[in-house]
C-alpha atoms as a PDB file:
ATOM      1  CA  MET A   1     -85.801  28.208 102.083  1.00  0.00           C
ATOM      2  CA  LYS A   2     -86.251  27.782 105.323  1.00  0.00           C
ATOM      3  CA  VAL A   3     -87.740  24.362 106.857  1.00  0.00           C
ATOM      4  CA  GLU A   4     -90.642  26.327 107.861  1.00  0.00           C
ATOM      5  CA  ASP A   5     -91.334  27.535 105.021  1.00  0.00           C
ATOM      6  CA  ILE A   6     -91.229  24.647 103.174  1.00  0.00           C
ATOM      7  CA  ARG A   7     -93.431  23.288 105.980  1.00  0.00           C
ATOM      8  CA  THR A   8     -96.344  25.152 105.163  1.00  0.00           C
ATOM      9  CA  LEU A   9     -96.594  24.208 101.272  1.00  0.00           C
ATOM     10  CA  SER A  10     -98.436  21.081 100.746  1.00  0.00           C
ATOM     11  CA  GLN A  11     -97.303  18.084  99.374  1.00  0.00           C
ATOM     12  CA  ASP A  12     -98.127  18.938  95.887  1.00  0.00           C
ATOM     13  CA  GLU A  13     -96.628  22.150  96.037  1.00  0.00           C
ATOM     14  CA  MET A  14     -93.989  20.465  97.567  1.00  0.00           C
ATOM     15  CA  ARG A  15     -93.012  18.010  94.866  1.00  0.00           C
ATOM     16  CA  GLN A  16     -93.873  20.896  92.084  1.00  0.00           C
ATOM     17  CA  LYS A  17     -90.977  23.355  93.943  1.00  0.00           C
ATOM     18  CA  LEU A  18     -88.418  19.755  93.921  1.00  0.00           C
ATOM     19  CA  THR A  19     -89.487  19.277  90.026  1.00  0.00           C
ATOM     20  CA  ASP A  20     -88.232  23.483  89.865  1.00  0.00           C
ATOM     21  CA  LEU A  21     -85.439  23.209  91.911  1.00  0.00           C
ATOM     22  CA  ARG A  22     -84.149  19.919  89.762  1.00  0.00           C
ATOM     23  CA  LYS A  23     -84.612  22.178  86.491  1.00  0.00           C
ATOM     24  CA  GLU A  24     -82.617  25.069  87.874  1.00  0.00           C
ATOM     25  CA  LEU A  25     -80.094  22.825  89.235  1.00  0.00           C
ATOM     26  CA  PHE A  26     -79.282  20.993  85.930  1.00  0.00           C
ATOM     27  CA  ASN A  27     -79.535  24.547  84.037  1.00  0.00           C
ATOM     28  CA  LEU A  28     -76.565  25.379  86.883  1.00  0.00           C
ATOM     29  CA  ARG A  29     -74.361  23.119  86.216  1.00  0.00           C
ATOM     30  CA  PHE A  30     -74.850  23.655  82.303  1.00  0.00           C
ATOM     31  CA  GLN A  31     -73.619  27.162  82.736  1.00  0.00           C
ATOM     32  CA  HIS A  32     -70.646  25.746  85.281  1.00  0.00           C
ATOM     33  CA  GLY A  33     -69.626  23.588  82.800  1.00  0.00           C
ATOM     34  CA  ILE A  34     -69.095  25.843  79.813  1.00  0.00           C
ATOM     35  CA  GLY A  35     -67.864  28.995  82.344  1.00  0.00           C
ATOM     36  CA  GLN A  36     -70.924  31.151  82.517  1.00  0.00           C
ATOM     37  CA  LEU A  37     -72.028  30.544  86.014  1.00  0.00           C
ATOM     38  CA  GLU A  38     -71.357  33.779  87.985  1.00  0.00           C
ATOM     39  CA  ASN A  39     -72.274  32.344  91.371  1.00  0.00           C
ATOM     40  CA  PRO A  40     -71.063  28.628  91.522  1.00  0.00           C
ATOM     41  CA  ARG A  41     -72.151  28.900  95.523  1.00  0.00           C
ATOM     42  CA  LYS A  42     -75.892  29.226  94.186  1.00  0.00           C
ATOM     43  CA  ILE A  43     -75.537  25.182  93.235  1.00  0.00           C
ATOM     44  CA  LYS A  44     -75.181  24.583  96.501  1.00  0.00           C
ATOM     45  CA  LEU A  45     -77.303  26.461  97.727  1.00  0.00           C
ATOM     46  CA  ILE A  46     -80.355  24.467  95.507  1.00  0.00           C
ATOM     47  CA  GLN A  47     -78.850  21.224  96.403  1.00  0.00           C
ATOM     48  CA  LYS A  48     -79.458  21.828  99.959  1.00  0.00           C
ATOM     49  CA  ASP A  49     -83.006  23.081  99.064  1.00  0.00           C
ATOM     50  CA  ILE A  50     -83.826  19.662  97.445  1.00  0.00           C
ATOM     51  CA  ALA A  51     -82.699  17.849 100.660  1.00  0.00           C
ATOM     52  CA  ARG A  52     -84.727  20.178 102.955  1.00  0.00           C
ATOM     53  CA  ILE A  53     -87.482  19.074 100.876  1.00  0.00           C
ATOM     54  CA  PHE A  54     -87.024  15.408 101.003  1.00  0.00           C
ATOM     55  CA  THR A  55     -86.438  15.713 104.621  1.00  0.00           C
ATOM     56  CA  VAL A  56     -89.815  17.325 105.203  1.00  0.00           C
ATOM     57  CA  LEU A  57     -91.374  14.495 102.737  1.00  0.00           C
ATOM     58  CA  GLY A  58     -89.719  12.092 104.780  1.00  0.00           C
ATOM     59  CA  GLU A  59     -91.211  13.286 107.907  1.00  0.00           C
ATOM     60  CA  MET A  60     -94.296  13.740 106.623  1.00  0.00           C
ATOM     61  CA  ALA A  61     -94.470  10.017 105.555  1.00  0.00           C
ATOM     62  CA  ARG A  62     -93.068   8.264 108.398  1.00  0.00           C
ATOM     63  CA  ASN A  63     -95.348  10.873 110.931  1.00  0.00           C
ATOM     64  CA  PRO A  64     -98.766  11.713 108.472  1.00  0.00           C
ATOM     65  CA  LYS A  65    -100.812  12.379 111.766  1.00  0.00           C
ATOM     66  CA  GLN A  66     -98.116  14.913 113.666  1.00  0.00           C
ATOM     67  CA  MET A  67     -97.959  16.699 110.391  1.00  0.00           C
ATOM     68  CA  ASP A  68    -101.494  17.523 110.166  1.00  0.00           C
ATOM     69  CA  ASN A  69    -100.810  20.042 113.666  1.00  0.00           C
END
């Protein structure tokens, strides 16, 4: 997921996406632990998406007027 895509979402949508990504990360870690994960790189991709969402949420909290544009 790209930052531009994240910025188009509302805060509620970002929080929902964050919840979904955390659930997916949990499932991937579980699969990795029992040896069923085919693509371990996906764990890192999900972690980066979570970090991107937190970054945009932080930017919105620090500069609410700038994000309205």
